[in-house]
Amino acid sequence: VYGENMLFYHGRAAYLYRVIATYKIAQKNHEGTLDALSQMCTH
């Protein structure tokens, strides 16, 4: 809906990636967690 330049909604993406990281770390999927947190940081 917003394209690659999501402006304000990059904050929503950052939140969603952080939520994903909480599940990945619970699964002991450390690489997946770091991938999600890296995306969180970027957004």
PDB file of all heavy atoms in Angstrom:
ATOM      1  N   VAL A   1       0.815  -1.214   0.000  1.00  0.00           N
ATOM      2  CA  VAL A   1       0.000   0.000   0.000  1.00  0.00           C
ATOM      3  C   VAL A   1       0.848   1.263   0.000  1.00  0.00           C
ATOM      4  O   VAL A   1       0.462   2.269  -0.609  1.00  0.00           O
ATOM      5  CB  VAL A   1      -0.955  -0.007   1.219  1.00  0.00           C
ATOM      6  CG1 VAL A   1      -1.689   1.327   1.346  1.00  0.00           C
ATOM      7  CG2 VAL A   1      -1.961  -1.146   1.088  1.00  0.00           C
ATOM      8  N   TYR A   2       2.027   1.232   0.643  1.00  0.00           N
ATOM      9  CA  TYR A   2       2.820   2.457   0.779  1.00  0.00           C
ATOM     10  C   TYR A   2       4.093   2.468  -0.060  1.00  0.00           C
ATOM     11  O   TYR A   2       4.714   3.527  -0.206  1.00  0.00           O
ATOM     12  CB  TYR A   2       3.167   2.686   2.252  1.00  0.00           C
ATOM     13  CG  TYR A   2       1.932   2.803   3.103  1.00  0.00           C
ATOM     14  CD1 TYR A   2       1.541   1.766   3.954  1.00  0.00           C
ATOM     15  CD2 TYR A   2       1.117   3.923   3.032  1.00  0.00           C
ATOM     16  CE1 TYR A   2       0.391   1.863   4.717  1.00  0.00           C
ATOM     17  CE2 TYR A   2      -0.039   4.024   3.782  1.00  0.00           C
ATOM     18  CZ  TYR A   2      -0.401   2.994   4.624  1.00  0.00           C
ATOM     19  OH  TYR A   2      -1.546   3.079   5.373  1.00  0.00           O
ATOM     20  N   GLY A   3       4.488   1.327  -0.607  1.00  0.00           N
ATOM     21  CA  GLY A   3       5.717   1.274  -1.381  1.00  0.00           C
ATOM     22  C   GLY A   3       6.927   1.093  -0.486  1.00  0.00           C
ATOM     23  O   GLY A   3       6.814   0.911   0.725  1.00  0.00           O
ATOM     24  N   GLU A   4       8.102   1.157  -1.071  1.00  0.00           N
ATOM     25  CA  GLU A   4       9.322   0.961  -0.288  1.00  0.00           C
ATOM     26  C   GLU A   4       9.577   2.135   0.658  1.00  0.00           C
ATOM     27  O   GLU A   4      10.216   1.982   1.684  1.00  0.00           O
ATOM     28  CB  GLU A   4      10.513   0.768  -1.225  1.00  0.00           C
ATOM     29  CG  GLU A   4      10.496  -0.560  -1.962  1.00  0.00           C
ATOM     30  CD  GLU A   4      10.461  -1.749  -1.002  1.00  0.00           C
ATOM     31  OE1 GLU A   4      11.182  -1.715   0.033  1.00  0.00           O
ATOM     32  OE2 GLU A   4       9.698  -2.700  -1.259  1.00  0.00           O
ATOM     33  N   ASN A   5       9.092   3.314   0.301  1.00  0.00           N
ATOM     34  CA  ASN A   5       9.237   4.474   1.180  1.00  0.00           C
ATOM     35  C   ASN A   5       7.968   4.610   2.012  1.00  0.00           C
ATOM     36  O   ASN A   5       7.069   5.376   1.688  1.00  0.00           O
ATOM     37  CB  ASN A   5       9.488   5.747   0.369  1.00  0.00           C
ATOM     38  CG  ASN A   5       9.825   6.941   1.256  1.00  0.00           C
ATOM     39  OD1 ASN A   5      10.149   6.775   2.424  1.00  0.00           O
ATOM     40  ND2 ASN A   5       9.746   8.131   0.704  1.00  0.00           N
ATOM     41  N   MET A   6       7.886   3.876   3.104  1.00  0.00           N
ATOM     42  CA  MET A   6       6.675   3.816   3.920  1.00  0.00           C
ATOM     43  C   MET A   6       6.552   4.958   4.923  1.00  0.00           C
ATOM     44  O   MET A   6       5.561   5.049   5.649  1.00  0.00           O
ATOM     45  CB  MET A   6       6.610   2.474   4.657  1.00  0.00           C
ATOM     46  CG  MET A   6       6.412   1.284   3.740  1.00  0.00           C
ATOM     47  SD  MET A   6       6.060  -0.247   4.639  1.00  0.00           S
ATOM     48  CE  MET A   6       7.700  -0.698   5.204  1.00  0.00           C
ATOM     49  N   LEU A   7       7.584   5.819   5.006  1.00  0.00           N
ATOM     50  CA  LEU A   7       7.541   6.988   5.886  1.00  0.00           C
ATOM     51  C   LEU A   7       7.130   6.593   7.307  1.00  0.00           C
ATOM     52  O   LEU A   7       7.788   5.769   7.931  1.00  0.00           O
ATOM     53  CB  LEU A   7       6.602   8.045   5.294  1.00  0.00           C
ATOM     54  CG  LEU A   7       6.979   8.524   3.877  1.00  0.00           C
ATOM     55  CD1 LEU A   7       5.916   9.478   3.331  1.00  0.00           C
ATOM     56  CD2 LEU A   7       8.344   9.188   3.878  1.00  0.00           C
ATOM     57  N   PHE A   8       6.060   7.178   7.837  1.00  0.00           N
ATOM     58  CA  PHE A   8       5.595   6.879   9.195  1.00  0.00           C
ATOM     59  C   PHE A   8       5.427   5.381   9.417  1.00  0.00           C
ATOM     60  O   PHE A   8       5.722   4.861  10.505  1.00  0.00           O
ATOM     61  CB  PHE A   8       4.269   7.602   9.431  1.00  0.00           C
ATOM     62  CG  PHE A   8       3.512   7.150  10.649  1.00  0.00           C
ATOM     63  CD1 PHE A   8       3.821   7.659  11.897  1.00  0.00           C
ATOM     64  CD2 PHE A   8       2.490   6.212  10.555  1.00  0.00           C
ATOM     65  CE1 PHE A   8       3.125   7.251  13.026  1.00  0.00           C
ATOM     66  CE2 PHE A   8       1.789   5.795  11.671  1.00  0.00           C
ATOM     67  CZ  PHE A   8       2.111   6.320  12.914  1.00  0.00           C
ATOM     68  N   TYR A   9       4.967   4.662   8.400  1.00  0.00           N
ATOM     69  CA  TYR A   9       4.632   3.251   8.568  1.00  0.00           C
ATOM     70  C   TYR A   9       5.856   2.342   8.616  1.00  0.00           C
ATOM     71  O   TYR A   9       5.729   1.152   8.905  1.00  0.00           O
ATOM     72  CB  TYR A   9       3.657   2.817   7.471  1.00  0.00           C
ATOM     73  CG  TYR A   9       2.340   3.551   7.602  1.00  0.00           C
ATOM     74  CD1 TYR A   9       1.992   4.562   6.707  1.00  0.00           C
ATOM     75  CD2 TYR A   9       1.479   3.275   8.654  1.00  0.00           C
ATOM     76  CE1 TYR A   9       0.800   5.259   6.846  1.00  0.00           C
ATOM     77  CE2 TYR A   9       0.288   3.964   8.803  1.00  0.00           C
ATOM     78  CZ  TYR A   9      -0.047   4.959   7.898  1.00  0.00           C
ATOM     79  OH  TYR A   9      -1.219   5.652   8.053  1.00  0.00           O
ATOM     80  N   HIS A  10       7.046   2.900   8.382  1.00  0.00           N
ATOM     81  CA  HIS A  10       8.250   2.136   8.704  1.00  0.00           C
ATOM     82  C   HIS A  10       8.244   1.804  10.198  1.00  0.00           C
ATOM     83  O   HIS A  10       8.779   0.767  10.613  1.00  0.00           O
ATOM     84  CB  HIS A  10       9.507   2.932   8.351  1.00  0.00           C
ATOM     85  CG  HIS A  10       9.867   2.883   6.894  1.00  0.00           C
ATOM     86  ND1 HIS A  10      10.229   1.718   6.248  1.00  0.00           N
ATOM     87  CD2 HIS A  10       9.933   3.869   5.958  1.00  0.00           C
ATOM     88  CE1 HIS A  10      10.507   1.983   4.984  1.00  0.00           C
ATOM     89  NE2 HIS A  10      10.330   3.269   4.776  1.00  0.00           N
ATOM     90  N   GLY A  11       7.657   2.680  11.003  1.00  0.00           N
ATOM     91  CA  GLY A  11       7.552   2.409  12.441  1.00  0.00           C
ATOM     92  C   GLY A  11       6.683   1.200  12.723  1.00  0.00           C
ATOM     93  O   GLY A  11       6.962   0.423  13.642  1.00  0.00           O
ATOM     94  N   ARG A  12       5.626   1.025  11.935  1.00  0.00           N
ATOM     95  CA  ARG A  12       4.781  -0.161  12.089  1.00  0.00           C
ATOM     96  C   ARG A  12       5.573  -1.416  11.707  1.00  0.00           C
ATOM     97  O   ARG A  12       5.486  -2.450  12.374  1.00  0.00           O
ATOM     98  CB  ARG A  12       3.552  -0.038  11.197  1.00  0.00           C
ATOM     99  CG  ARG A  12       2.626   1.117  11.542  1.00  0.00           C
ATOM    100  CD  ARG A  12       1.800   0.798  12.768  1.00  0.00           C
ATOM    101  NE  ARG A  12       0.649   1.649  12.849  1.00  0.00           N
ATOM    102  CZ  ARG A  12       0.485   2.625  13.730  1.00  0.00           C
ATOM    103  NH1 ARG A  12       1.447   2.879  14.606  1.00  0.00           N
ATOM    104  NH2 ARG A  12      -0.619   3.352  13.737  1.00  0.00           N
ATOM    105  N   ALA A  13       6.328  -1.323  10.612  1.00  0.00           N
ATOM    106  CA  ALA A  13       7.136  -2.471  10.186  1.00  0.00           C
ATOM    107  C   ALA A  13       8.173  -2.810  11.253  1.00  0.00           C
ATOM    108  O   ALA A  13       8.418  -3.988  11.543  1.00  0.00           O
ATOM    109  CB  ALA A  13       7.806  -2.175   8.848  1.00  0.00           C
ATOM    110  N   ALA A  14       8.784  -1.770  11.852  1.00  0.00           N
ATOM    111  CA  ALA A  14       9.772  -2.010  12.907  1.00  0.00           C
ATOM    112  C   ALA A  14       9.121  -2.761  14.072  1.00  0.00           C
ATOM    113  O   ALA A  14       9.702  -3.705  14.623  1.00  0.00           O
ATOM    114  CB  ALA A  14      10.352  -0.680  13.385  1.00  0.00           C
ATOM    115  N   TYR A  15       7.925  -2.349  14.444  1.00  0.00           N
ATOM    116  CA  TYR A  15       7.200  -3.025  15.525  1.00  0.00           C
ATOM    117  C   TYR A  15       6.927  -4.488  15.168  1.00  0.00           C
ATOM    118  O   TYR A  15       7.149  -5.391  15.985  1.00  0.00           O
ATOM    119  CB  TYR A  15       5.890  -2.299  15.811  1.00  0.00           C
ATOM    120  CG  TYR A  15       4.933  -3.084  16.668  1.00  0.00           C
ATOM    121  CD1 TYR A  15       5.164  -3.259  18.029  1.00  0.00           C
ATOM    122  CD2 TYR A  15       3.802  -3.689  16.108  1.00  0.00           C
ATOM    123  CE1 TYR A  15       4.296  -3.999  18.818  1.00  0.00           C
ATOM    124  CE2 TYR A  15       2.927  -4.431  16.893  1.00  0.00           C
ATOM    125  CZ  TYR A  15       3.177  -4.583  18.243  1.00  0.00           C
ATOM    126  OH  TYR A  15       2.315  -5.328  19.016  1.00  0.00           O
ATOM    127  N   LEU A  16       6.467  -4.734  13.945  1.00  0.00           N
ATOM    128  CA  LEU A  16       6.143  -6.104  13.534  1.00  0.00           C
ATOM    129  C   LEU A  16       7.389  -6.982  13.512  1.00  0.00           C
ATOM    130  O   LEU A  16       7.345  -8.155  13.932  1.00  0.00           O
ATOM    131  CB  LEU A  16       5.464  -6.086  12.171  1.00  0.00           C
ATOM    132  CG  LEU A  16       4.008  -5.613  12.189  1.00  0.00           C
ATOM    133  CD1 LEU A  16       3.541  -5.191  10.806  1.00  0.00           C
ATOM    134  CD2 LEU A  16       3.091  -6.693  12.747  1.00  0.00           C
ATOM    135  N   TYR A  17       8.500  -6.451  13.045  1.00  0.00           N
ATOM    136  CA  TYR A  17       9.737  -7.232  13.059  1.00  0.00           C
ATOM    137  C   TYR A  17      10.187  -7.512  14.488  1.00  0.00           C
ATOM    138  O   TYR A  17      10.728  -8.584  14.780  1.00  0.00           O
ATOM    139  CB  TYR A  17      10.841  -6.517  12.282  1.00  0.00           C
ATOM    140  CG  TYR A  17      10.775  -6.779  10.786  1.00  0.00           C
ATOM    141  CD1 TYR A  17      10.546  -5.750   9.879  1.00  0.00           C
ATOM    142  CD2 TYR A  17      10.955  -8.077  10.276  1.00  0.00           C
ATOM    143  CE1 TYR A  17      10.493  -5.987   8.512  1.00  0.00           C
ATOM    144  CE2 TYR A  17      10.901  -8.317   8.907  1.00  0.00           C
ATOM    145  CZ  TYR A  17      10.664  -7.281   8.035  1.00  0.00           C
ATOM    146  OH  TYR A  17      10.602  -7.530   6.678  1.00  0.00           O
ATOM    147  N   ARG A  18       9.951  -6.578  15.391  1.00  0.00           N
ATOM    148  CA  ARG A  18      10.305  -6.828  16.788  1.00  0.00           C
ATOM    149  C   ARG A  18       9.427  -7.930  17.373  1.00  0.00           C
ATOM    150  O   ARG A  18       9.915  -8.787  18.138  1.00  0.00           O
ATOM    151  CB  ARG A  18      10.168  -5.543  17.617  1.00  0.00           C
ATOM    152  CG  ARG A  18      10.541  -5.747  19.082  1.00  0.00           C
ATOM    153  CD  ARG A  18      10.621  -4.438  19.825  1.00  0.00           C
ATOM    154  NE  ARG A  18       9.358  -3.728  19.871  1.00  0.00           N
ATOM    155  CZ  ARG A  18       8.362  -4.050  20.682  1.00  0.00           C
ATOM    156  NH1 ARG A  18       8.461  -5.094  21.484  1.00  0.00           N
ATOM    157  NH2 ARG A  18       7.266  -3.325  20.698  1.00  0.00           N
ATOM    158  N   VAL A  19       8.143  -7.923  17.024  1.00  0.00           N
ATOM    159  CA  VAL A  19       7.260  -8.997  17.484  1.00  0.00           C
ATOM    160  C   VAL A  19       7.723 -10.343  16.935  1.00  0.00           C
ATOM    161  O   VAL A  19       7.758 -11.354  17.646  1.00  0.00           O
ATOM    162  CB  VAL A  19       5.804  -8.710  17.068  1.00  0.00           C
ATOM    163  CG1 VAL A  19       4.912  -9.898  17.401  1.00  0.00           C
ATOM    164  CG2 VAL A  19       5.284  -7.461  17.771  1.00  0.00           C
ATOM    165  N   ILE A  20       8.084 -10.371  15.656  1.00  0.00           N
ATOM    166  CA  ILE A  20       8.600 -11.598  15.052  1.00  0.00           C
ATOM    167  C   ILE A  20       9.829 -12.079  15.821  1.00  0.00           C
ATOM    168  O   ILE A  20       9.978 -13.276  16.094  1.00  0.00           O
ATOM    169  CB  ILE A  20       8.941 -11.358  13.566  1.00  0.00           C
ATOM    170  CG1 ILE A  20       7.661 -11.175  12.749  1.00  0.00           C
ATOM    171  CG2 ILE A  20       9.770 -12.517  13.001  1.00  0.00           C
ATOM    172  CD1 ILE A  20       7.892 -10.736  11.312  1.00  0.00           C
ATOM    173  N   ALA A  21      10.694 -11.137  16.205  1.00  0.00           N
ATOM    174  CA  ALA A  21      11.908 -11.512  16.931  1.00  0.00           C
ATOM    175  C   ALA A  21      11.589 -12.186  18.259  1.00  0.00           C
ATOM    176  O   ALA A  21      12.294 -13.105  18.691  1.00  0.00           O
ATOM    177  CB  ALA A  21      12.773 -10.277  17.160  1.00  0.00           C
ATOM    178  N   THR A  22      10.504 -11.762  18.927  1.00  0.00           N
ATOM    179  CA  THR A  22      10.166 -12.370  20.217  1.00  0.00           C
ATOM    180  C   THR A  22       9.780 -13.840  20.047  1.00  0.00           C
ATOM    181  O   THR A  22      10.049 -14.666  20.927  1.00  0.00           O
ATOM    182  CB  THR A  22       9.018 -11.620  20.910  1.00  0.00           C
ATOM    183  OG1 THR A  22       7.821 -11.722  20.124  1.00  0.00           O
ATOM    184  CG2 THR A  22       9.365 -10.157  21.110  1.00  0.00           C
ATOM    185  N   TYR A  23       9.154 -14.172  18.915  1.00  0.00           N
ATOM    186  CA  TYR A  23       8.804 -15.565  18.653  1.00  0.00           C
ATOM    187  C   TYR A  23      10.029 -16.356  18.193  1.00  0.00           C
ATOM    188  O   TYR A  23      10.220 -17.512  18.571  1.00  0.00           O
ATOM    189  CB  TYR A  23       7.689 -15.648  17.606  1.00  0.00           C
ATOM    190  CG  TYR A  23       6.345 -15.235  18.150  1.00  0.00           C
ATOM    191  CD1 TYR A  23       5.910 -13.915  18.053  1.00  0.00           C
ATOM    192  CD2 TYR A  23       5.514 -16.154  18.789  1.00  0.00           C
ATOM    193  CE1 TYR A  23       4.683 -13.519  18.563  1.00  0.00           C
ATOM    194  CE2 TYR A  23       4.286 -15.770  19.309  1.00  0.00           C
ATOM    195  CZ  TYR A  23       3.873 -14.451  19.197  1.00  0.00           C
ATOM    196  OH  TYR A  23       2.662 -14.074  19.706  1.00  0.00           O
ATOM    197  N   LYS A  24      10.864 -15.742  17.385  1.00  0.00           N
ATOM    198  CA  LYS A  24      12.069 -16.419  16.888  1.00  0.00           C
ATOM    199  C   LYS A  24      13.011 -16.767  18.037  1.00  0.00           C
ATOM    200  O   LYS A  24      13.577 -17.866  18.079  1.00  0.00           O
ATOM    201  CB  LYS A  24      12.790 -15.520  15.881  1.00  0.00           C
ATOM    202  CG  LYS A  24      12.042 -15.270  14.572  1.00  0.00           C
ATOM    203  CD  LYS A  24      12.101 -16.461  13.645  1.00  0.00           C
ATOM    204  CE  LYS A  24      11.519 -16.116  12.277  1.00  0.00           C
ATOM    205  NZ  LYS A  24      11.560 -17.279  11.349  1.00  0.00           N
ATOM    206  N   ILE A  25      13.185 -15.838  18.976  1.00  0.00           N
ATOM    207  CA  ILE A  25      14.088 -16.108  20.091  1.00  0.00           C
ATOM    208  C   ILE A  25      13.504 -17.190  20.989  1.00  0.00           C
ATOM    209  O   ILE A  25      14.235 -18.007  21.564  1.00  0.00           O
ATOM    210  CB  ILE A  25      14.400 -14.821  20.893  1.00  0.00           C
ATOM    211  CG1 ILE A  25      15.616 -15.014  21.793  1.00  0.00           C
ATOM    212  CG2 ILE A  25      13.207 -14.360  21.717  1.00  0.00           C
ATOM    213  CD1 ILE A  25      16.911 -15.121  21.064  1.00  0.00           C
ATOM    214  N   ALA A  26      12.164 -17.227  21.108  1.00  0.00           N
ATOM    215  CA  ALA A  26      11.525 -18.285  21.899  1.00  0.00           C
ATOM    216  C   ALA A  26      11.719 -19.648  21.241  1.00  0.00           C
ATOM    217  O   ALA A  26      11.779 -20.681  21.927  1.00  0.00           O
ATOM    218  CB  ALA A  26      10.039 -17.989  22.066  1.00  0.00           C
ATOM    219  N   GLN A  27      11.833 -19.647  19.909  1.00  0.00           N
ATOM    220  CA  GLN A  27      12.086 -20.890  19.168  1.00  0.00           C
ATOM    221  C   GLN A  27      13.560 -21.268  19.178  1.00  0.00           C
ATOM    222  O   GLN A  27      13.937 -22.289  18.599  1.00  0.00           O
ATOM    223  CB  GLN A  27      11.615 -20.735  17.723  1.00  0.00           C
ATOM    224  CG  GLN A  27      10.116 -20.612  17.549  1.00  0.00           C
ATOM    225  CD  GLN A  27       9.727 -20.338  16.112  1.00  0.00           C
ATOM    226  OE1 GLN A  27      10.411 -19.604  15.398  1.00  0.00           O
ATOM    227  NE2 GLN A  27       8.618 -20.912  15.678  1.00  0.00           N
ATOM    228  N   LYS A  28      14.384 -20.419  19.803  1.00  0.00           N
ATOM    229  CA  LYS A  28      15.844 -20.606  19.821  1.00  0.00           C
ATOM    230  C   LYS A  28      16.441 -20.524  18.419  1.00  0.00           C
ATOM    231  O   LYS A  28      17.489 -21.095  18.122  1.00  0.00           O
ATOM    232  CB  LYS A  28      16.225 -21.930  20.501  1.00  0.00           C
ATOM    233  CG  LYS A  28      15.851 -21.980  21.984  1.00  0.00           C
ATOM    234  CD  LYS A  28      16.301 -23.276  22.629  1.00  0.00           C
ATOM    235  CE  LYS A  28      16.155 -23.241  24.137  1.00  0.00           C
ATOM    236  NZ  LYS A  28      14.872 -22.718  24.630  1.00  0.00           N
ATOM    237  N   ASN A  29      15.746 -19.816  17.552  1.00  0.00           N
ATOM    238  CA  ASN A  29      16.223 -19.551  16.192  1.00  0.00           C
ATOM    239  C   ASN A  29      16.986 -18.225  16.228  1.00  0.00           C
ATOM    240  O   ASN A  29      16.441 -17.167  15.942  1.00  0.00           O
ATOM    241  CB  ASN A  29      15.038 -19.477  15.224  1.00  0.00           C
ATOM    242  CG  ASN A  29      15.468 -19.218  13.790  1.00  0.00           C
ATOM    243  OD1 ASN A  29      16.632 -18.916  13.507  1.00  0.00           O
ATOM    244  ND2 ASN A  29      14.532 -19.343  12.868  1.00  0.00           N
ATOM    245  N   HIS A  30      18.254 -18.300  16.602  1.00  0.00           N
ATOM    246  CA  HIS A  30      19.016 -17.095  16.846  1.00  0.00           C
ATOM    247  C   HIS A  30      19.293 -16.305  15.571  1.00  0.00           C
ATOM    248  O   HIS A  30      19.247 -15.068  15.570  1.00  0.00           O
ATOM    249  CB  HIS A  30      20.317 -17.440  17.572  1.00  0.00           C
ATOM    250  CG  HIS A  30      20.082 -17.959  18.961  1.00  0.00           C
ATOM    251  ND1 HIS A  30      21.093 -18.443  19.767  1.00  0.00           N
ATOM    252  CD2 HIS A  30      18.936 -18.081  19.691  1.00  0.00           C
ATOM    253  CE1 HIS A  30      20.583 -18.830  20.930  1.00  0.00           C
ATOM    254  NE2 HIS A  30      19.278 -18.627  20.908  1.00  0.00           N
ATOM    255  N   GLU A  31      19.588 -17.002  14.483  1.00  0.00           N
ATOM    256  CA  GLU A  31      19.826 -16.297  13.230  1.00  0.00           C
ATOM    257  C   GLU A  31      18.552 -15.599  12.755  1.00  0.00           C
ATOM    258  O   GLU A  31      18.586 -14.467  12.285  1.00  0.00           O
ATOM    259  CB  GLU A  31      20.328 -17.271  12.162  1.00  0.00           C
ATOM    260  CG  GLU A  31      21.788 -17.661  12.316  1.00  0.00           C
ATOM    261  CD  GLU A  31      22.714 -16.449  12.289  1.00  0.00           C
ATOM    262  OE1 GLU A  31      22.591 -15.622  11.359  1.00  0.00           O
ATOM    263  OE2 GLU A  31      23.539 -16.333  13.218  1.00  0.00           O
ATOM    264  N   GLY A  32      17.417 -16.295  12.888  1.00  0.00           N
ATOM    265  CA  GLY A  32      16.148 -15.685  12.517  1.00  0.00           C
ATOM    266  C   GLY A  32      15.836 -14.476  13.377  1.00  0.00           C
ATOM    267  O   GLY A  32      15.303 -13.463  12.893  1.00  0.00           O
ATOM    268  N   THR A  33      16.180 -14.553  14.666  1.00  0.00           N
ATOM    269  CA  THR A  33      15.965 -13.418  15.570  1.00  0.00           C
ATOM    270  C   THR A  33      16.799 -12.221  15.134  1.00  0.00           C
ATOM    271  O   THR A  33      16.297 -11.089  15.058  1.00  0.00           O
ATOM    272  CB  THR A  33      16.347 -13.805  17.008  1.00  0.00           C
ATOM    273  OG1 THR A  33      15.570 -14.928  17.424  1.00  0.00           O
ATOM    274  CG2 THR A  33      16.112 -12.638  17.961  1.00  0.00           C
ATOM    275  N   LEU A  34      18.066 -12.472  14.836  1.00  0.00           N
ATOM    276  CA  LEU A  34      18.958 -11.387  14.430  1.00  0.00           C
ATOM    277  C   LEU A  34      18.516 -10.783  13.096  1.00  0.00           C
ATOM    278  O   LEU A  34      18.610  -9.566  12.898  1.00  0.00           O
ATOM    279  CB  LEU A  34      20.394 -11.899  14.345  1.00  0.00           C
ATOM    280  CG  LEU A  34      21.031 -12.231  15.709  1.00  0.00           C
ATOM    281  CD1 LEU A  34      22.317 -13.023  15.534  1.00  0.00           C
ATOM    282  CD2 LEU A  34      21.301 -10.942  16.485  1.00  0.00           C
ATOM    283  N   ASP A  35      18.022 -11.631  12.190  1.00  0.00           N
ATOM    284  CA  ASP A  35      17.497 -11.108  10.923  1.00  0.00           C
ATOM    285  C   ASP A  35      16.327 -10.152  11.186  1.00  0.00           C
ATOM    286  O   ASP A  35      16.250  -9.071  10.588  1.00  0.00           O
ATOM    287  CB  ASP A  35      17.029 -12.259  10.023  1.00  0.00           C
ATOM    288  CG  ASP A  35      18.186 -13.074   9.455  1.00  0.00           C
ATOM    289  OD1 ASP A  35      19.327 -12.579   9.480  1.00  0.00           O
ATOM    290  OD2 ASP A  35      17.941 -14.214   9.001  1.00  0.00           O
ATOM    291  N   ALA A  36      15.413 -10.573  12.067  1.00  0.00           N
ATOM    292  CA  ALA A  36      14.238  -9.749  12.364  1.00  0.00           C
ATOM    293  C   ALA A  36      14.643  -8.456  13.059  1.00  0.00           C
ATOM    294  O   ALA A  36      14.123  -7.373  12.743  1.00  0.00           O
ATOM    295  CB  ALA A  36      13.252 -10.531  13.231  1.00  0.00           C
ATOM    296  N   LEU A  37      15.582  -8.533  14.005  1.00  0.00           N
ATOM    297  CA  LEU A  37      16.010  -7.330  14.717  1.00  0.00           C
ATOM    298  C   LEU A  37      16.765  -6.375  13.796  1.00  0.00           C
ATOM    299  O   LEU A  37      16.667  -5.146  13.945  1.00  0.00           O
ATOM    300  CB  LEU A  37      16.885  -7.714  15.907  1.00  0.00           C
ATOM    301  CG  LEU A  37      16.177  -8.453  17.048  1.00  0.00           C
ATOM    302  CD1 LEU A  37      17.157  -8.804  18.151  1.00  0.00           C
ATOM    303  CD2 LEU A  37      15.017  -7.623  17.598  1.00  0.00           C
ATOM    304  N   SER A  38      17.506  -6.926  12.863  1.00  0.00           N
ATOM    305  CA  SER A  38      18.193  -6.075  11.892  1.00  0.00           C
ATOM    306  C   SER A  38      17.179  -5.297  11.048  1.00  0.00           C
ATOM    307  O   SER A  38      17.339  -4.093  10.803  1.00  0.00           O
ATOM    308  CB  SER A  38      19.089  -6.932  10.995  1.00  0.00           C
ATOM    309  OG  SER A  38      19.737  -6.148  10.021  1.00  0.00           O
ATOM    310  N   GLN A  39      16.111  -5.977  10.631  1.00  0.00           N
ATOM    311  CA  GLN A  39      15.043  -5.314   9.874  1.00  0.00           C
ATOM    312  C   GLN A  39      14.333  -4.282  10.751  1.00  0.00           C
ATOM    313  O   GLN A  39      13.985  -3.185  10.295  1.00  0.00           O
ATOM    314  CB  GLN A  39      14.043  -6.356   9.370  1.00  0.00           C
ATOM    315  CG  GLN A  39      14.559  -7.231   8.247  1.00  0.00           C
ATOM    316  CD  GLN A  39      14.517  -6.517   6.908  1.00  0.00           C
ATOM    317  OE1 GLN A  39      14.226  -5.334   6.816  1.00  0.00           O
ATOM    318  NE2 GLN A  39      14.807  -7.267   5.850  1.00  0.00           N
ATOM    319  N   MET A  40      14.125  -4.643  11.998  1.00  0.00           N
ATOM    320  CA  MET A  40      13.508  -3.698  12.942  1.00  0.00           C
ATOM    321  C   MET A  40      14.324  -2.416  13.012  1.00  0.00           C
ATOM    322  O   MET A  40      13.781  -1.300  12.928  1.00  0.00           O
ATOM    323  CB  MET A  40      13.433  -4.332  14.336  1.00  0.00           C
ATOM    324  CG  MET A  40      12.958  -3.387  15.434  1.00  0.00           C
ATOM    325  SD  MET A  40      13.479  -3.917  17.096  1.00  0.00           S
ATOM    326  CE  MET A  40      15.260  -3.539  17.021  1.00  0.00           C
ATOM    327  N   CYS A  41      15.627  -2.559  13.151  1.00  0.00           N
ATOM    328  CA  CYS A  41      16.521  -1.414  13.261  1.00  0.00           C
ATOM    329  C   CYS A  41      16.454  -0.548  12.007  1.00  0.00           C
ATOM    330  O   CYS A  41      16.327   0.685  12.087  1.00  0.00           O
ATOM    331  CB  CYS A  41      17.950  -1.921  13.492  1.00  0.00           C
ATOM    332  SG  CYS A  41      19.175  -0.618  13.689  1.00  0.00           S
ATOM    333  N   THR A  42      16.502  -1.176  10.848  1.00  0.00           N
ATOM    334  CA  THR A  42      16.458  -0.443   9.578  1.00  0.00           C
ATOM    335  C   THR A  42      15.171   0.358   9.440  1.00  0.00           C
ATOM    336  O   THR A  42      15.184   1.541   9.087  1.00  0.00           O
ATOM    337  CB  THR A  42      16.589  -1.420   8.392  1.00  0.00           C
ATOM    338  OG1 THR A  42      17.866  -2.069   8.457  1.00  0.00           O
ATOM    339  CG2 THR A  42      16.463  -0.690   7.067  1.00  0.00           C
ATOM    340  N   HIS A  43      14.044  -0.293   9.726  1.00  0.00           N
ATOM    341  CA  HIS A  43      12.755   0.390   9.572  1.00  0.00           C
ATOM    342  C   HIS A  43      12.562   1.485  10.622  1.00  0.00           C
ATOM    343  O   HIS A  43      11.970   2.534  10.329  1.00  0.00           O
ATOM    344  CB  HIS A  43      11.618  -0.625   9.638  1.00  0.00           C
ATOM    345  CG  HIS A  43      11.456  -1.412   8.373  1.00  0.00           C
ATOM    346  ND1 HIS A  43      10.839  -0.899   7.253  1.00  0.00           N
ATOM    347  CD2 HIS A  43      11.841  -2.679   8.045  1.00  0.00           C
ATOM    348  CE1 HIS A  43      10.837  -1.806   6.295  1.00  0.00           C
ATOM    349  NE2 HIS A  43      11.446  -2.891   6.742  1.00  0.00           N
TER     350      HIS A  43
END
